[in-house]
Full PDB file with SEQRES, HELIX, SHEET, SSBOND, CRYST1, ORIGX, SCALE, CONECT and MASTER records, all heavy atoms in Angstrom:
SEQRES   1 A   40  ASN ARG VAL GLU GLY ILE ALA VAL GLY ALA GLY VAL ARG          
SEQRES   2 A   40  ARG HIS LEU GLY HIS GLY VAL ASP LEU GLY LEU ARG ALA          
SEQRES   3 A   40  ARG LEU GLY THR ALA ASP ARG GLU VAL LYS GLY ALA VAL          
SEQRES   4 A   40  THR                                                          
SHEET    1 AA1 3 ALA A   7  GLY A  17  0                                        
SHEET    2 AA1 3 VAL A  20  GLY A  29 -1                                        
SHEET    3 AA1 3 VAL A  35  VAL A  39 -1                                        
CRYST1    1.000    1.000    1.000  90.00  90.00  90.00 P 1           1          
ORIGX1      1.000000  0.000000  0.000000        0.00000                         
ORIGX2      0.000000  1.000000  0.000000        0.00000                         
ORIGX3      0.000000  0.000000  1.000000        0.00000                         
SCALE1      1.000000  0.000000  0.000000        0.00000                         
SCALE2      0.000000  1.000000  0.000000        0.00000                         
SCALE3      0.000000  0.000000  1.000000        0.00000                         
ATOM      1  N   ASN A   1     -24.369  13.717 229.462  1.00  0.00           N  
ATOM      2  CA  ASN A   1     -24.030  13.567 228.052  1.00  0.00           C  
ATOM      3  C   ASN A   1     -24.764  14.624 227.240  1.00  0.00           C  
ATOM      4  O   ASN A   1     -25.623  15.334 227.760  1.00  0.00           O  
ATOM      5  CB  ASN A   1     -24.357  12.156 227.549  1.00  0.00           C  
ATOM      6  CG  ASN A   1     -25.814  11.793 227.728  1.00  0.00           C  
ATOM      7  OD1 ASN A   1     -26.697  12.349 227.073  1.00  0.00           O  
ATOM      8  ND2 ASN A   1     -26.092  10.859 228.646  1.00  0.00           N  
ATOM      9  N   ARG A   2     -24.418  14.738 225.970  1.00  0.00           N  
ATOM     10  CA  ARG A   2     -24.951  15.829 225.157  1.00  0.00           C  
ATOM     11  C   ARG A   2     -26.410  15.642 224.767  1.00  0.00           C  
ATOM     12  O   ARG A   2     -27.061  16.599 224.351  1.00  0.00           O  
ATOM     13  CB  ARG A   2     -24.102  16.020 223.907  1.00  0.00           C  
ATOM     14  CG  ARG A   2     -24.041  14.840 222.945  1.00  0.00           C  
ATOM     15  CD  ARG A   2     -23.046  15.182 221.842  1.00  0.00           C  
ATOM     16  NE  ARG A   2     -22.922  14.170 220.812  1.00  0.00           N  
ATOM     17  CZ  ARG A   2     -22.085  13.142 220.853  1.00  0.00           C  
ATOM     18  NH1 ARG A   2     -21.331  12.977 221.933  1.00  0.00           N  
ATOM     19  NH2 ARG A   2     -21.996  12.295 219.851  1.00  0.00           N  
ATOM     20  N   VAL A   3     -26.936  14.461 224.890  1.00  0.00           N  
ATOM     21  CA  VAL A   3     -28.336  14.218 224.558  1.00  0.00           C  
ATOM     22  C   VAL A   3     -29.237  14.471 225.757  1.00  0.00           C  
ATOM     23  O   VAL A   3     -30.246  15.176 225.660  1.00  0.00           O  
ATOM     24  CB  VAL A   3     -28.530  12.778 224.046  1.00  0.00           C  
ATOM     25  CG1 VAL A   3     -30.005  12.511 223.773  1.00  0.00           C  
ATOM     26  CG2 VAL A   3     -27.710  12.549 222.789  1.00  0.00           C  
ATOM     27  N   GLU A   4     -28.891  13.918 226.906  1.00  0.00           N  
ATOM     28  CA  GLU A   4     -29.746  13.987 228.093  1.00  0.00           C  
ATOM     29  C   GLU A   4     -29.428  15.132 229.031  1.00  0.00           C  
ATOM     30  O   GLU A   4     -30.243  15.480 229.882  1.00  0.00           O  
ATOM     31  CB  GLU A   4     -29.639  12.689 228.879  1.00  0.00           C  
ATOM     32  CG  GLU A   4     -30.053  11.444 228.118  1.00  0.00           C  
ATOM     33  CD  GLU A   4     -29.782  10.193 228.922  1.00  0.00           C  
ATOM     34  OE1 GLU A   4     -28.599   9.821 229.045  1.00  0.00           O  
ATOM     35  OE2 GLU A   4     -30.744   9.593 229.433  1.00  0.00           O  
ATOM     36  N   GLY A   5     -28.231  15.719 228.920  1.00  0.00           N  
ATOM     37  CA  GLY A   5     -27.791  16.648 229.951  1.00  0.00           C  
ATOM     38  C   GLY A   5     -27.440  15.834 231.187  1.00  0.00           C  
ATOM     39  O   GLY A   5     -26.742  14.825 231.106  1.00  0.00           O  
ATOM     40  N   ILE A   6     -27.912  16.246 232.339  1.00  0.00           N  
ATOM     41  CA  ILE A   6     -27.740  15.446 233.558  1.00  0.00           C  
ATOM     42  C   ILE A   6     -28.827  14.376 233.576  1.00  0.00           C  
ATOM     43  O   ILE A   6     -30.010  14.691 233.498  1.00  0.00           O  
ATOM     44  CB  ILE A   6     -27.840  16.325 234.815  1.00  0.00           C  
ATOM     45  CG1 ILE A   6     -26.746  17.404 234.802  1.00  0.00           C  
ATOM     46  CG2 ILE A   6     -27.720  15.467 236.072  1.00  0.00           C  
ATOM     47  CD1 ILE A   6     -26.851  18.388 235.936  1.00  0.00           C  
ATOM     48  N   ALA A   7     -28.409  13.125 233.661  1.00  0.00           N  
ATOM     49  CA  ALA A   7     -29.357  12.010 233.657  1.00  0.00           C  
ATOM     50  C   ALA A   7     -29.281  11.271 234.984  1.00  0.00           C  
ATOM     51  O   ALA A   7     -28.198  10.896 235.438  1.00  0.00           O  
ATOM     52  CB  ALA A   7     -29.057  11.052 232.514  1.00  0.00           C  
ATOM     53  N   VAL A   8     -30.429  11.094 235.607  1.00  0.00           N  
ATOM     54  CA  VAL A   8     -30.516  10.407 236.908  1.00  0.00           C  
ATOM     55  C   VAL A   8     -31.220   9.073 236.694  1.00  0.00           C  
ATOM     56  O   VAL A   8     -32.287   9.011 236.061  1.00  0.00           O  
ATOM     57  CB  VAL A   8     -31.296  11.260 237.926  1.00  0.00           C  
ATOM     58  CG1 VAL A   8     -31.380  10.544 239.265  1.00  0.00           C  
ATOM     59  CG2 VAL A   8     -30.629  12.628 238.093  1.00  0.00           C  
ATOM     60  N   GLY A   9     -30.625   8.014 237.216  1.00  0.00           N  
ATOM     61  CA  GLY A   9     -31.194   6.690 237.021  1.00  0.00           C  
ATOM     62  C   GLY A   9     -31.325   5.906 238.310  1.00  0.00           C  
ATOM     63  O   GLY A   9     -30.768   6.270 239.343  1.00  0.00           O  
ATOM     64  N   ALA A  10     -32.071   4.837 238.248  1.00  0.00           N  
ATOM     65  CA  ALA A  10     -32.256   3.950 239.392  1.00  0.00           C  
ATOM     66  C   ALA A  10     -32.683   2.590 238.867  1.00  0.00           C  
ATOM     67  O   ALA A  10     -33.111   2.454 237.715  1.00  0.00           O  
ATOM     68  CB  ALA A  10     -33.307   4.504 240.359  1.00  0.00           C  
ATOM     69  N   GLY A  11     -32.580   1.591 239.715  1.00  0.00           N  
ATOM     70  CA  GLY A  11     -32.980   0.256 239.309  1.00  0.00           C  
ATOM     71  C   GLY A  11     -33.291  -0.620 240.503  1.00  0.00           C  
ATOM     72  O   GLY A  11     -32.831  -0.368 241.618  1.00  0.00           O  
ATOM     73  N   VAL A  12     -34.081  -1.640 240.271  1.00  0.00           N  
ATOM     74  CA  VAL A  12     -34.402  -2.614 241.304  1.00  0.00           C  
ATOM     75  C   VAL A  12     -34.292  -4.000 240.673  1.00  0.00           C  
ATOM     76  O   VAL A  12     -34.482  -4.184 239.460  1.00  0.00           O  
ATOM     77  CB  VAL A  12     -35.826  -2.416 241.875  1.00  0.00           C  
ATOM     78  CG1 VAL A  12     -35.920  -1.109 242.625  1.00  0.00           C  
ATOM     79  CG2 VAL A  12     -36.873  -2.486 240.776  1.00  0.00           C  
ATOM     80  N   ARG A  13     -33.988  -4.966 241.524  1.00  0.00           N  
ATOM     81  CA  ARG A  13     -33.884  -6.348 241.068  1.00  0.00           C  
ATOM     82  C   ARG A  13     -34.417  -7.254 242.166  1.00  0.00           C  
ATOM     83  O   ARG A  13     -34.039  -7.112 243.326  1.00  0.00           O  
ATOM     84  CB  ARG A  13     -32.424  -6.692 240.758  1.00  0.00           C  
ATOM     85  CG  ARG A  13     -32.225  -8.079 240.156  1.00  0.00           C  
ATOM     86  CD  ARG A  13     -30.767  -8.307 239.839  1.00  0.00           C  
ATOM     87  NE  ARG A  13     -30.522  -9.610 239.283  1.00  0.00           N  
ATOM     88  CZ  ARG A  13     -29.322 -10.078 238.984  1.00  0.00           C  
ATOM     89  NH1 ARG A  13     -28.253  -9.310 239.199  1.00  0.00           N  
ATOM     90  NH2 ARG A  13     -29.181 -11.293 238.481  1.00  0.00           N  
ATOM     91  N   ARG A  14     -35.288  -8.153 241.792  1.00  0.00           N  
ATOM     92  CA  ARG A  14     -35.917  -9.032 242.780  1.00  0.00           C  
ATOM     93  C   ARG A  14     -35.733 -10.488 242.366  1.00  0.00           C  
ATOM     94  O   ARG A  14     -36.031 -10.880 241.233  1.00  0.00           O  
ATOM     95  CB  ARG A  14     -37.415  -8.721 242.903  1.00  0.00           C  
ATOM     96  CG  ARG A  14     -38.115  -9.554 243.958  1.00  0.00           C  
ATOM     97  CD  ARG A  14     -39.558  -9.126 244.104  1.00  0.00           C  
ATOM     98  NE  ARG A  14     -40.263  -9.905 245.110  1.00  0.00           N  
ATOM     99  CZ  ARG A  14     -40.218  -9.679 246.410  1.00  0.00           C  
ATOM    100  NH1 ARG A  14     -39.486  -8.676 246.865  1.00  0.00           N  
ATOM    101  NH2 ARG A  14     -40.885 -10.435 247.268  1.00  0.00           N  
ATOM    102  N   HIS A  15     -35.226 -11.276 243.302  1.00  0.00           N  
ATOM    103  CA  HIS A  15     -35.055 -12.702 243.079  1.00  0.00           C  
ATOM    104  C   HIS A  15     -36.375 -13.407 243.414  1.00  0.00           C  
ATOM    105  O   HIS A  15     -36.889 -13.290 244.529  1.00  0.00           O  
ATOM    106  CB  HIS A  15     -33.921 -13.247 243.944  1.00  0.00           C  
ATOM    107  CG  HIS A  15     -32.581 -12.662 243.606  1.00  0.00           C  
ATOM    108  ND1 HIS A  15     -31.834 -13.079 242.526  1.00  0.00           N  
ATOM    109  CD2 HIS A  15     -31.858 -11.670 244.212  1.00  0.00           C  
ATOM    110  CE1 HIS A  15     -30.709 -12.376 242.473  1.00  0.00           C  
ATOM    111  NE2 HIS A  15     -30.705 -11.516 243.477  1.00  0.00           N  
ATOM    112  N   LEU A  16     -36.887 -14.148 242.450  1.00  0.00           N  
ATOM    113  CA  LEU A  16     -38.179 -14.804 242.617  1.00  0.00           C  
ATOM    114  C   LEU A  16     -38.048 -16.260 243.051  1.00  0.00           C  
ATOM    115  O   LEU A  16     -39.049 -16.927 243.268  1.00  0.00           O  
ATOM    116  CB  LEU A  16     -38.968 -14.737 241.301  1.00  0.00           C  
ATOM    117  CG  LEU A  16     -39.156 -13.327 240.723  1.00  0.00           C  
ATOM    118  CD1 LEU A  16     -39.939 -13.397 239.414  1.00  0.00           C  
ATOM    119  CD2 LEU A  16     -39.858 -12.417 241.719  1.00  0.00           C  
ATOM    120  N   GLY A  17     -36.814 -16.738 243.176  1.00  0.00           N  
ATOM    121  CA  GLY A  17     -36.588 -18.117 243.588  1.00  0.00           C  
ATOM    122  C   GLY A  17     -36.349 -19.039 242.411  1.00  0.00           C  
ATOM    123  O   GLY A  17     -36.731 -18.737 241.264  1.00  0.00           O  
ATOM    124  N   HIS A  18     -35.668 -20.154 242.680  1.00  0.00           N  
ATOM    125  CA  HIS A  18     -35.369 -21.161 241.655  1.00  0.00           C  
ATOM    126  C   HIS A  18     -34.555 -20.575 240.504  1.00  0.00           C  
ATOM    127  O   HIS A  18     -34.704 -20.987 239.343  1.00  0.00           O  
ATOM    128  CB  HIS A  18     -36.655 -21.791 241.112  1.00  0.00           C  
ATOM    129  CG  HIS A  18     -37.521 -22.412 242.159  1.00  0.00           C  
ATOM    130  ND1 HIS A  18     -37.198 -23.590 242.801  1.00  0.00           N  
ATOM    131  CD2 HIS A  18     -38.696 -21.987 242.711  1.00  0.00           C  
ATOM    132  CE1 HIS A  18     -38.136 -23.894 243.684  1.00  0.00           C  
ATOM    133  NE2 HIS A  18     -39.055 -22.927 243.657  1.00  0.00           N  
ATOM    134  N   GLY A  19     -33.683 -19.597 240.815  1.00  0.00           N  
ATOM    135  CA  GLY A  19     -32.809 -19.006 239.814  1.00  0.00           C  
ATOM    136  C   GLY A  19     -33.436 -17.933 238.962  1.00  0.00           C  
ATOM    137  O   GLY A  19     -32.790 -17.425 238.037  1.00  0.00           O  
ATOM    138  N   VAL A  20     -34.668 -17.576 239.228  1.00  0.00           N  
ATOM    139  CA  VAL A  20     -35.384 -16.578 238.422  1.00  0.00           C  
ATOM    140  C   VAL A  20     -35.289 -15.209 239.084  1.00  0.00           C  
ATOM    141  O   VAL A  20     -35.454 -15.091 240.307  1.00  0.00           O  
ATOM    142  CB  VAL A  20     -36.862 -16.975 238.239  1.00  0.00           C  
ATOM    143  CG1 VAL A  20     -37.604 -15.917 237.433  1.00  0.00           C  
ATOM    144  CG2 VAL A  20     -36.970 -18.341 237.576  1.00  0.00           C  
ATOM    145  N   ASP A  21     -35.020 -14.184 238.294  1.00  0.00           N  
ATOM    146  CA  ASP A  21     -35.010 -12.819 238.838  1.00  0.00           C  
ATOM    147  C   ASP A  21     -35.657 -11.865 237.849  1.00  0.00           C  
ATOM    148  O   ASP A  21     -35.662 -12.086 236.635  1.00  0.00           O  
ATOM    149  CB  ASP A  21     -33.589 -12.362 239.193  1.00  0.00           C  
ATOM    150  CG  ASP A  21     -32.698 -12.235 237.983  1.00  0.00           C  
ATOM    151  OD1 ASP A  21     -32.845 -11.275 237.219  1.00  0.00           O  
ATOM    152  OD2 ASP A  21     -31.838 -13.121 237.781  1.00  0.00           O  
ATOM    153  N   LEU A  22     -36.206 -10.787 238.405  1.00  0.00           N  
ATOM    154  CA  LEU A  22     -36.886  -9.752 237.640  1.00  0.00           C  
ATOM    155  C   LEU A  22     -36.211  -8.423 237.917  1.00  0.00           C  
ATOM    156  O   LEU A  22     -35.959  -8.076 239.079  1.00  0.00           O  
ATOM    157  CB  LEU A  22     -38.368  -9.684 238.038  1.00  0.00           C  
ATOM    158  CG  LEU A  22     -39.241  -8.644 237.322  1.00  0.00           C  
ATOM    159  CD1 LEU A  22     -39.375  -8.988 235.846  1.00  0.00           C  
ATOM    160  CD2 LEU A  22     -40.620  -8.583 237.991  1.00  0.00           C  
ATOM    161  N   GLY A  23     -35.873  -7.678 236.879  1.00  0.00           N  
ATOM    162  CA  GLY A  23     -35.182  -6.413 237.052  1.00  0.00           C  
ATOM    163  C   GLY A  23     -35.865  -5.273 236.320  1.00  0.00           C  
ATOM    164  O   GLY A  23     -36.540  -5.474 235.308  1.00  0.00           O  
ATOM    165  N   LEU A  24     -35.697  -4.076 236.850  1.00  0.00           N  
ATOM    166  CA  LEU A  24     -36.231  -2.860 236.238  1.00  0.00           C  
ATOM    167  C   LEU A  24     -35.232  -1.742 236.450  1.00  0.00           C  
ATOM    168  O   LEU A  24     -34.762  -1.520 237.561  1.00  0.00           O  
ATOM    169  CB  LEU A  24     -37.577  -2.477 236.862  1.00  0.00           C  
ATOM    170  CG  LEU A  24     -38.148  -1.105 236.460  1.00  0.00           C  
ATOM    171  CD1 LEU A  24     -38.490  -1.086 234.976  1.00  0.00           C  
ATOM    172  CD2 LEU A  24     -39.368  -0.760 237.309  1.00  0.00           C  
ATOM    173  N   ARG A  25     -34.869  -1.064 235.383  1.00  0.00           N  
ATOM    174  CA  ARG A  25     -34.011   0.123 235.500  1.00  0.00           C  
ATOM    175  C   ARG A  25     -34.588   1.228 234.626  1.00  0.00           C  
ATOM    176  O   ARG A  25     -35.157   0.971 233.572  1.00  0.00           O  
ATOM    177  CB  ARG A  25     -32.566  -0.189 235.111  1.00  0.00           C  
ATOM    178  CG  ARG A  25     -32.387  -0.751 233.720  1.00  0.00           C  
ATOM    179  CD  ARG A  25     -30.922  -1.021 233.417  1.00  0.00           C  
ATOM    180  NE  ARG A  25     -30.748  -1.697 232.137  1.00  0.00           N  
ATOM    181  CZ  ARG A  25     -30.753  -1.074 230.966  1.00  0.00           C  
ATOM    182  NH1 ARG A  25     -30.898   0.247 230.917  1.00  0.00           N  
ATOM    183  NH2 ARG A  25     -30.594  -1.766 229.842  1.00  0.00           N  
ATOM    184  N   ALA A  26     -34.426   2.456 235.099  1.00  0.00           N  
ATOM    185  CA  ALA A  26     -34.959   3.607 234.380  1.00  0.00           C  
ATOM    186  C   ALA A  26     -34.040   4.799 234.576  1.00  0.00           C  
ATOM    187  O   ALA A  26     -33.308   4.888 235.566  1.00  0.00           O  
ATOM    188  CB  ALA A  26     -36.371   3.937 234.862  1.00  0.00           C  
ATOM    189  N   ARG A  27     -34.078   5.741 233.626  1.00  0.00           N  
ATOM    190  CA  ARG A  27     -33.221   6.921 233.669  1.00  0.00           C  
ATOM    191  C   ARG A  27     -33.961   8.082 233.024  1.00  0.00           C  
ATOM    192  O   ARG A  27     -34.651   7.916 232.015  1.00  0.00           O  
ATOM    193  CB  ARG A  27     -31.919   6.638 232.913  1.00  0.00           C  
ATOM    194  CG  ARG A  27     -30.856   7.724 233.057  1.00  0.00           C  
ATOM    195  CD  ARG A  27     -29.578   7.340 232.332  1.00  0.00           C  
ATOM    196  NE  ARG A  27     -29.728   7.373 230.878  1.00  0.00           N  
ATOM    197  CZ  ARG A  27     -29.850   6.306 230.114  1.00  0.00           C  
ATOM    198  NH1 ARG A  27     -29.848   5.091 230.646  1.00  0.00           N  
ATOM    199  NH2 ARG A  27     -29.982   6.432 228.790  1.00  0.00           N  
ATOM    200  N   LEU A  28     -33.831   9.267 233.616  1.00  0.00           N  
ATOM    201  CA  LEU A  28     -34.483  10.473 233.107  1.00  0.00           C  
ATOM    202  C   LEU A  28     -33.452  11.547 232.879  1.00  0.00           C  
ATOM    203  O   LEU A  28     -32.656  11.869 233.769  1.00  0.00           O  
ATOM    204  CB  LEU A  28     -35.542  10.972 234.103  1.00  0.00           C  
ATOM    205  CG  LEU A  28     -36.212  12.306 233.754  1.00  0.00           C  
ATOM    206  CD1 LEU A  28     -37.030  12.175 232.467  1.00  0.00           C  
ATOM    207  CD2 LEU A  28     -37.093  12.782 234.901  1.00  0.00           C  
ATOM    208  N   GLY A  29     -33.462  12.135 231.679  1.00  0.00           N  
ATOM    209  CA  GLY A  29     -32.551  13.217 231.362  1.00  0.00           C  
ATOM    210  C   GLY A  29     -33.195  14.564 231.609  1.00  0.00           C  
ATOM    211  O   GLY A  29     -34.365  14.772 231.278  1.00  0.00           O  
ATOM    212  N   THR A  30     -32.432  15.488 232.179  1.00  0.00           N  
ATOM    213  CA  THR A  30     -32.980  16.813 232.475  1.00  0.00           C  
ATOM    214  C   THR A  30     -33.095  17.671 231.221  1.00  0.00           C  
ATOM    215  O   THR A  30     -33.869  18.630 231.184  1.00  0.00           O  
ATOM    216  CB  THR A  30     -32.090  17.546 233.489  1.00  0.00           C  
ATOM    217  OG1 THR A  30     -30.745  17.650 232.958  1.00  0.00           O  
ATOM    218  CG2 THR A  30     -32.050  16.802 234.810  1.00  0.00           C  
ATOM    219  N   ALA A  31     -32.328  17.353 230.155  1.00  0.00           N  
ATOM    220  CA  ALA A  31     -32.366  18.153 228.927  1.00  0.00           C  
ATOM    221  C   ALA A  31     -33.372  17.607 227.919  1.00  0.00           C  
ATOM    222  O   ALA A  31     -34.132  18.369 227.322  1.00  0.00           O  
ATOM    223  CB  ALA A  31     -30.973  18.219 228.298  1.00  0.00           C  
ATOM    224  N   ASP A  32     -33.405  16.304 227.708  1.00  0.00           N  
ATOM    225  CA  ASP A  32     -34.346  15.756 226.724  1.00  0.00           C  
ATOM    226  C   ASP A  32     -35.696  15.406 227.336  1.00  0.00           C  
ATOM    227  O   ASP A  32     -36.669  15.176 226.616  1.00  0.00           O  
ATOM    228  CB  ASP A  32     -33.749  14.530 226.032  1.00  0.00           C  
ATOM    229  CG  ASP A  32     -33.529  13.365 226.984  1.00  0.00           C  
ATOM    230  OD1 ASP A  32     -33.646  13.542 228.207  1.00  0.00           O  
ATOM    231  OD2 ASP A  32     -33.239  12.261 226.487  1.00  0.00           O  
ATOM    232  N   ARG A  33     -35.749  15.329 228.673  1.00  0.00           N  
ATOM    233  CA  ARG A  33     -36.990  15.055 229.405  1.00  0.00           C  
ATOM    234  C   ARG A  33     -37.667  13.758 228.939  1.00  0.00           C  
ATOM    235  O   ARG A  33     -38.881  13.670 228.855  1.00  0.00           O  
ATOM    236  CB  ARG A  33     -37.964  16.235 229.281  1.00  0.00           C  
ATOM    237  CG  ARG A  33     -37.407  17.542 229.818  1.00  0.00           C  
ATOM    238  CD  ARG A  33     -38.397  18.669 229.697  1.00  0.00           C  
ATOM    239  NE  ARG A  33     -37.838  19.927 230.167  1.00  0.00           N  
ATOM    240  CZ  ARG A  33     -37.828  20.330 231.429  1.00  0.00           C  
ATOM    241  NH1 ARG A  33     -38.365  19.553 232.364  1.00  0.00           N  
ATOM    242  NH2 ARG A  33     -37.307  21.489 231.769  1.00  0.00           N  
ATOM    243  N   GLU A  34     -36.855  12.772 228.644  1.00  0.00           N  
ATOM    244  CA  GLU A  34     -37.382  11.474 228.223  1.00  0.00           C  
ATOM    245  C   GLU A  34     -36.914  10.380 229.177  1.00  0.00           C  
ATOM    246  O   GLU A  34     -35.805  10.439 229.710  1.00  0.00           O  
ATOM    247  CB  GLU A  34     -36.926  11.133 226.797  1.00  0.00           C  
ATOM    248  CG  GLU A  34     -37.555  12.005 225.727  1.00  0.00           C  
ATOM    249  CD  GLU A  34     -37.209  11.506 224.340  1.00  0.00           C  
ATOM    250  OE1 GLU A  34     -36.544  10.440 224.226  1.00  0.00           O  
ATOM    251  OE2 GLU A  34     -37.595  12.170 223.368  1.00  0.00           O  
ATOM    252  N   VAL A  35     -37.780   9.391 229.375  1.00  0.00           N  
ATOM    253  CA  VAL A  35     -37.456   8.246 230.225  1.00  0.00           C  
ATOM    254  C   VAL A  35     -36.934   7.113 229.344  1.00  0.00           C  
ATOM    255  O   VAL A  35     -37.507   6.804 228.302  1.00  0.00           O  
ATOM    256  CB  VAL A  35     -38.693   7.776 231.020  1.00  0.00           C  
ATOM    257  CG1 VAL A  35     -38.356   6.528 231.834  1.00  0.00           C  
ATOM    258  CG2 VAL A  35     -39.190   8.889 231.929  1.00  0.00           C  
ATOM    259  N   LYS A  36     -35.820   6.521 229.770  1.00  0.00           N  
ATOM    260  CA  LYS A  36     -35.282   5.337 229.098  1.00  0.00           C  
ATOM    261  C   LYS A  36     -35.155   4.233 230.135  1.00  0.00           C  
ATOM    262  O   LYS A  36     -35.108   4.486 231.332  1.00  0.00           O  
ATOM    263  CB  LYS A  36     -33.902   5.587 228.481  1.00  0.00           C  
ATOM    264  CG  LYS A  36     -33.807   6.812 227.604  1.00  0.00           C  
ATOM    265  CD  LYS A  36     -33.373   7.985 228.405  1.00  0.00           C  
ATOM    266  CE  LYS A  36     -33.441   9.279 227.594  1.00  0.00           C  
ATOM    267  NZ  LYS A  36     -33.257  10.445 228.498  1.00  0.00           N  
ATOM    268  N   GLY A  37     -35.077   3.016 229.656  1.00  0.00           N  
ATOM    269  CA  GLY A  37     -34.918   1.933 230.609  1.00  0.00           C  
ATOM    270  C   GLY A  37     -35.264   0.598 230.004  1.00  0.00           C  
ATOM    271  O   GLY A  37     -35.462   0.470 228.781  1.00  0.00           O  
ATOM    272  N   ALA A  38     -35.332  -0.409 230.855  1.00  0.00           N  
ATOM    273  CA  ALA A  38     -35.617  -1.757 230.385  1.00  0.00           C  
ATOM    274  C   ALA A  38     -36.160  -2.602 231.525  1.00  0.00           C  
ATOM    275  O   ALA A  38     -35.881  -2.352 232.711  1.00  0.00           O  
ATOM    276  CB  ALA A  38     -34.354  -2.405 229.816  1.00  0.00           C  
ATOM    277  N   VAL A  39     -36.919  -3.598 231.153  1.00  0.00           N  
ATOM    278  CA  VAL A  39     -37.396  -4.627 232.076  1.00  0.00           C  
ATOM    279  C   VAL A  39     -36.729  -5.934 231.669  1.00  0.00           C  
ATOM    280  O   VAL A  39     -36.693  -6.272 230.474  1.00  0.00           O  
ATOM    281  CB  VAL A  39     -38.924  -4.780 232.023  1.00  0.00           C  
ATOM    282  CG1 VAL A  39     -39.385  -5.906 232.940  1.00  0.00           C  
ATOM    283  CG2 VAL A  39     -39.599  -3.467 232.395  1.00  0.00           C  
ATOM    284  N   THR A  40     -36.167  -6.655 232.640  1.00  0.00           N  
ATOM    285  CA  THR A  40     -35.481  -7.908 232.334  1.00  0.00           C  
ATOM    286  C   THR A  40     -36.075  -9.040 233.153  1.00  0.00           C  
ATOM    287  O   THR A  40     -36.443  -8.869 234.312  1.00  0.00           O  
ATOM    288  CB  THR A  40     -33.978  -7.816 232.642  1.00  0.00           C  
ATOM    289  OG1 THR A  40     -33.787  -7.534 234.037  1.00  0.00           O  
ATOM    290  CG2 THR A  40     -33.326  -6.716 231.815  1.00  0.00           C  
TER     291      THR A  40                                                      
MASTER        0    0    0    0    3    0    0    6  290    1    0    4          
END                                                                             
């Protein structure tokens, strides 16, 4: 996209049991050189 250029992302998700899960995703743009993401 025009803000990040080429952006590469990844994510992980772990089930903790009893219906609970924890997630993490992140993305880095080669043009803006900033990390974006979220923890859920």
